[in-house]
Protein backbone atom coordinates (compact mmCIF):
# COMPACT_ATOMS: atom_id res chain seq x y z
CA MET A 1 9.83 10.03 -8.15
CA SER A 2 8.65 12.30 -5.24
CA ILE A 3 5.25 12.80 -3.97
CA LYS A 4 4.06 15.91 -2.07
CA VAL A 5 0.71 15.75 -0.62
CA GLN A 6 -0.56 19.36 0.53
CA GLN A 7 -3.71 20.43 2.55
CA VAL A 8 -5.76 17.70 0.79
CA SER A 9 -9.56 17.36 1.79
CA ARG A 10 -12.30 15.34 0.50
CA LEU A 11 -16.13 15.39 0.76
CA PHE A 12 -18.47 12.70 -0.35
CA ASN A 13 -22.06 13.62 -0.21
CA GLY A 14 -21.16 16.98 1.53
CA GLU A 15 -19.62 14.92 4.45
CA PRO A 16 -15.67 15.29 4.75
CA ALA A 17 -13.42 11.90 4.57
CA VAL A 18 -10.17 13.53 5.08
CA GLN A 19 -9.24 16.89 6.10
CA HIS A 20 -5.96 19.17 5.69
CA VAL A 21 -3.46 16.30 4.83
CA SER A 22 -0.10 16.96 4.19
CA PHE A 23 3.05 14.83 3.90
CA LYS A 24 5.95 14.03 1.63
CA ALA A 25 7.07 10.75 0.04
CA GLU A 26 10.83 11.09 -0.91
CA LYS A 27 12.32 9.62 -4.05
CA GLY A 28 12.68 5.76 -3.12
CA GLU A 29 11.20 6.17 0.30
CA ILE A 30 8.55 3.61 1.57
CA VAL A 31 5.94 5.55 3.17
CA GLY A 32 2.89 3.77 5.13
CA LEU A 33 -0.58 5.46 5.69
CA LEU A 34 -1.76 3.85 8.94
CA GLY A 35 -5.14 4.28 10.62
CA THR A 36 -8.04 2.37 11.57
CA SER A 37 -11.00 1.67 9.38
CA GLY A 38 -12.95 4.65 8.00
CA CYS A 39 -10.02 7.51 8.70
CA GLY A 40 -9.52 8.11 4.69
CA LYS A 41 -6.32 6.03 4.09
CA SER A 42 -7.66 4.57 0.74
CA THR A 43 -9.39 8.17 -0.04
CA LEU A 44 -5.96 9.60 -0.11
CA LEU A 45 -4.11 6.88 -2.13
CA ARG A 46 -6.72 7.14 -4.79
CA ALA A 47 -6.42 10.95 -4.95
CA ILE A 48 -2.63 10.36 -5.14
CA SER A 49 -3.03 7.63 -8.14
CA GLY A 50 -5.10 10.07 -10.28
CA LEU A 51 -8.38 7.67 -9.97
CA ASP A 52 -10.01 10.49 -7.66
CA THR A 53 -9.78 14.07 -8.78
CA GLY A 54 -12.54 15.67 -6.65
CA TYR A 55 -10.50 16.62 -3.59
CA ASP A 56 -9.34 19.94 -2.37
CA GLY A 57 -5.76 20.62 -2.14
CA THR A 58 -2.58 19.58 -4.42
CA ILE A 59 -0.57 16.69 -5.08
CA GLU A 60 2.78 17.16 -6.71
CA ILE A 61 4.64 14.62 -8.47
CA ASN A 62 8.47 15.44 -9.02
CA GLY A 63 7.56 19.03 -8.69
CA HIS A 64 4.43 19.11 -10.74
CA ILE A 65 1.04 19.43 -9.79
CA ASN A 66 -0.83 16.25 -10.96
CA ARG A 67 -4.71 15.80 -11.50
CA GLY A 68 -4.70 12.59 -13.47
CA THR A 69 -3.41 8.77 -13.73
CA SER A 70 0.12 8.31 -14.99
CA LYS A 71 2.17 5.64 -16.48
CA ASP A 72 4.81 6.25 -13.96
CA LEU A 73 2.38 5.09 -11.12
CA GLY A 74 1.94 1.55 -10.39
CA LEU A 75 -1.41 0.32 -8.57
CA ILE A 76 -1.62 -2.73 -6.41
CA PHE A 77 -5.05 -3.43 -4.95
CA GLN A 78 -6.46 -5.38 -1.88
CA GLU A 79 -7.73 -7.87 -4.46
CA PRO A 80 -5.58 -9.03 -7.53
CA ARG A 81 -8.09 -7.96 -10.09
CA LEU A 82 -6.92 -10.33 -12.75
CA MET A 83 -8.95 -10.94 -15.86
CA PRO A 84 -9.97 -14.46 -15.24
CA TRP A 85 -9.97 -15.34 -19.11
CA LEU A 86 -6.35 -14.32 -19.67
CA THR A 87 -3.28 -16.28 -18.24
CA VAL A 88 -0.72 -15.34 -15.65
CA LEU A 89 1.42 -14.18 -18.57
CA GLU A 90 -1.19 -12.51 -20.51
CA ASN A 91 -2.37 -10.48 -17.23
CA VAL A 92 1.08 -9.48 -16.87
CA CYS A 93 1.64 -8.32 -20.32
CA PHE A 94 -2.19 -6.76 -20.73
CA GLY A 95 -1.69 -3.11 -21.55
CA LEU A 96 1.72 -3.19 -22.78
CA GLU A 97 2.77 -1.23 -25.79
CA GLY A 98 5.47 -2.54 -28.40
CA LYS A 99 6.30 -5.69 -29.79
CA ALA A 100 4.54 -8.73 -28.11
CA LYS A 101 7.66 -10.79 -28.05
CA ALA A 102 9.84 -8.04 -26.15
CA ASN A 103 6.67 -7.62 -23.83
CA LYS A 104 6.51 -11.30 -23.01
CA LYS A 105 10.35 -11.44 -22.44
CA LYS A 106 9.81 -8.82 -19.77
CA ALA A 107 7.02 -10.45 -18.15
CA LYS A 108 8.59 -13.72 -17.86
CA GLU A 109 11.79 -12.10 -16.27
CA LEU A 110 9.30 -10.34 -13.66
CA LEU A 111 7.36 -13.66 -13.10
CA GLN A 112 10.60 -15.21 -12.25
CA VAL A 113 11.32 -12.53 -9.77
CA VAL A 114 8.12 -12.66 -8.17
CA GLY A 115 8.67 -16.84 -7.81
CA LEU A 116 6.00 -17.83 -10.51
CA GLU A 117 8.32 -19.21 -12.80
CA GLY A 118 6.41 -22.21 -14.65
CA PHE A 119 2.93 -20.82 -13.86
CA GLU A 120 2.91 -18.40 -17.12
CA HIS A 121 -0.03 -20.58 -18.55
CA TYR A 122 -2.27 -20.84 -15.32
CA TYR A 123 -5.59 -19.01 -15.19
CA PRO A 124 -6.74 -16.98 -12.19
CA LYS A 125 -9.12 -19.64 -10.90
CA GLN A 126 -5.85 -22.09 -10.54
CA LEU A 127 -3.99 -19.55 -8.36
CA SER A 128 -3.75 -19.34 -4.68
CA GLY A 129 -4.59 -16.06 -3.09
CA GLY A 130 -0.79 -15.25 -2.55
CA MET A 131 0.01 -16.44 -6.24
CA ALA A 132 -2.66 -14.24 -7.63
CA GLN A 133 -1.26 -11.06 -5.89
CA ARG A 134 2.33 -11.97 -6.94
CA THR A 135 0.83 -11.87 -10.32
CA ALA A 136 -1.01 -8.55 -9.69
CA ILE A 137 2.51 -7.32 -8.19
CA ALA A 138 4.10 -8.33 -11.56
CA ARG A 139 1.63 -6.55 -13.72
CA ALA A 140 2.22 -3.47 -11.65
CA LEU A 141 6.02 -3.68 -12.17
CA VAL A 142 6.32 -4.58 -15.64
CA THR A 143 5.84 -0.83 -17.11
CA GLU A 144 8.54 0.09 -14.81
CA PRO A 145 6.97 2.66 -12.83
CA ASP A 146 8.74 5.05 -10.76
CA THR A 147 6.19 4.79 -7.64
CA LEU A 148 4.08 1.98 -6.33
CA LEU A 149 1.11 2.70 -4.77
CA LEU A 150 -0.30 -0.10 -2.59
CA ASP A 151 -3.80 -0.32 -1.09
CA GLU A 152 -3.71 -3.11 1.80
CA PRO A 153 -2.17 -5.69 -0.68
CA PHE A 154 -1.90 -8.34 1.75
CA SER A 155 -4.62 -7.88 4.04
CA ALA A 156 -6.71 -10.84 2.67
CA LEU A 157 -3.97 -13.50 2.87
CA ASP A 158 -3.12 -15.69 5.32
CA ALA A 159 -0.20 -14.64 7.98
CA PHE A 160 2.31 -16.74 6.50
CA THR A 161 1.82 -15.95 2.81
CA LYS A 162 1.67 -12.06 4.17
CA LEU A 163 4.92 -12.72 5.87
CA GLN A 164 6.41 -14.01 2.55
CA LEU A 165 5.09 -11.29 0.37
CA GLN A 166 6.26 -8.62 2.59
CA ASP A 167 9.86 -9.90 2.51
CA MET A 168 9.37 -10.39 -1.37
CA LEU A 169 8.30 -6.73 -1.56
CA LEU A 170 11.36 -5.47 0.42
CA ASP A 171 13.53 -7.80 -2.13
CA LEU A 172 11.73 -5.89 -5.05
CA TRP A 173 12.33 -2.47 -3.53
CA GLN A 174 15.91 -3.15 -3.17
CA SER A 175 16.44 -4.37 -6.77
CA TYR A 176 14.23 -1.66 -8.36
CA GLN A 177 14.20 1.40 -5.65
CA PRO A 178 10.84 2.46 -6.32
CA THR A 179 9.16 5.20 -4.11
CA MET A 180 6.05 3.49 -2.33
CA VAL A 181 3.09 4.61 -0.60
CA ILE A 182 1.24 1.62 1.50
CA VAL A 183 -2.14 1.80 3.03
CA THR A 184 -2.28 -0.60 5.80
CA HIS A 185 -3.99 -0.96 9.28
CA ASP A 186 -1.50 -3.53 10.11
CA ILE A 187 1.25 -1.88 12.62
CA ASP A 188 3.66 -4.39 12.30
CA GLU A 189 3.38 -4.57 8.44
CA ALA A 190 4.18 -0.78 8.67
CA LEU A 191 6.93 -1.25 10.87
CA THR A 192 8.52 -4.09 8.94
CA LEU A 193 8.25 -2.26 5.61
CA CYS A 194 8.14 1.52 6.09
CA ASP A 195 10.70 4.46 6.29
CA ARG A 196 7.99 6.64 7.54
CA VAL A 197 4.40 5.78 8.99
CA ILE A 198 1.95 8.36 8.53
CA ILE A 199 -0.89 8.19 10.91
CA LEU A 200 -4.15 9.18 10.19
CA LYS A 201 -6.93 9.50 13.34
CA GLY A 202 -10.37 10.27 13.17
CA GLN A 203 -13.40 10.55 10.81
CA PRO A 204 -12.82 12.76 8.91
CA GLY A 205 -9.08 11.56 8.99
CA GLU A 206 -6.48 13.84 9.84
CA LEU A 207 -2.83 13.79 10.24
CA TYR A 208 -1.80 12.74 13.98
CA LYS A 209 1.58 11.74 13.68
CA ASN A 210 4.59 11.38 11.03
CA ILE A 211 6.98 8.64 12.56
CA GLU A 212 10.27 8.03 11.07
CA VAL A 213 11.42 4.44 11.32
CA LYS A 214 15.24 4.50 11.41
CA GLN A 215 15.99 0.78 11.76
CA PRO A 216 17.97 -0.44 8.69
CA LYS A 217 15.77 -3.27 6.59
CA PRO A 218 15.52 -5.94 6.65
CA ARG A 219 14.27 -5.56 10.28
CA SER A 220 14.26 -8.11 13.20
CA LYS A 221 10.68 -8.83 14.41
CA GLY A 222 12.21 -8.54 17.87
CA ASP A 223 13.77 -5.45 17.62
CA ALA A 224 13.28 -3.35 20.98
CA GLY A 225 13.02 -0.18 19.19
CA LEU A 226 10.05 -1.35 17.08
CA ALA A 227 8.56 -3.03 19.95
CA LYS A 228 8.48 0.51 21.26
CA LEU A 229 7.22 2.30 18.54
CA LYS A 230 4.36 -0.10 18.23
CA GLU A 231 3.53 0.85 21.75
CA ASP A 232 3.43 4.34 20.95
CA ILE A 233 1.27 3.57 17.73
CA ILE A 234 -1.24 1.70 19.67
CA ASP A 235 -1.51 4.43 22.20
CA SER A 236 -1.81 7.08 19.40
CA LEU A 237 -4.62 5.21 17.83
CA GLU A 238 -6.48 4.32 21.17
CA VAL A 239 -7.22 0.76 20.31
CA THR A 240 -6.56 -0.55 23.67
CA LYS A 241 -8.65 2.27 25.15
CA LYS A 242 -10.15 1.17 28.47
CA VAL A 243 -13.75 0.35 28.82
CA ALA A 244 -15.64 2.84 31.09
CA PRO A 245 -16.60 1.52 34.48
CA THR A 246 -20.58 1.65 33.46
CA SER A 247 -19.70 -0.56 30.64
CA GLN A 248 -17.78 -3.09 32.90
CA LYS A 249 -20.88 -2.95 34.84
CA HIS A 250 -23.19 -3.93 32.16
CA ILE A 251 -21.06 -6.47 30.58
CA ARG A 252 -20.92 -8.19 34.02
CA GLU A 253 -24.45 -8.25 34.64
CA ALA A 254 -25.07 -9.61 31.04
């Protein structure tokens, strides 16, 4: 499934959150939306998902203008958003149509893929953060969507669990080949997962750069080309901007 965002802008209470953003995600491509807090990354993702229709501009899904939700779009949020009264298996099956037996079989297969075999009858309160997010990923995949939209899916996890789930996501991508759009503020995560990185900057957020990451996946953390891209992205976002001399003086005096 391809996604085409054209001149999308969004106002909240008369104030612009993003303005005039355009980019594409080709079929089977992983595209990252990267930027500092408040630049409108999640706003764009909600527009693409159809959860927010109050934007200006157009969003095309497979060449057709889309202004609503679709079963062909799977959503994975920062929090797992599991229903606490349902088991892991029931959470994954929730919302599926068709015969219960067939649904359970499909859900069990996916739980095995995401490393949760044997945890089918656990409840969310019995799961670690990483296990809960694995459950959420299985729930998003069980409908076999052509596209996955991920809103900072690993930001609440510890560093080791985050790395494990990044590797798992790449394994899933290689198996199912969905188009993915991932919101992140983690530069290393974007360079590990994405084929292209869309840099948003400012408040309101505007498209600043569209960077192609050519290294084949999986990628080495020590790759010199990735290190150079990371340096360029840091410079673009001005996250290491020098403190003004007057500010330094105040710091010394304090």
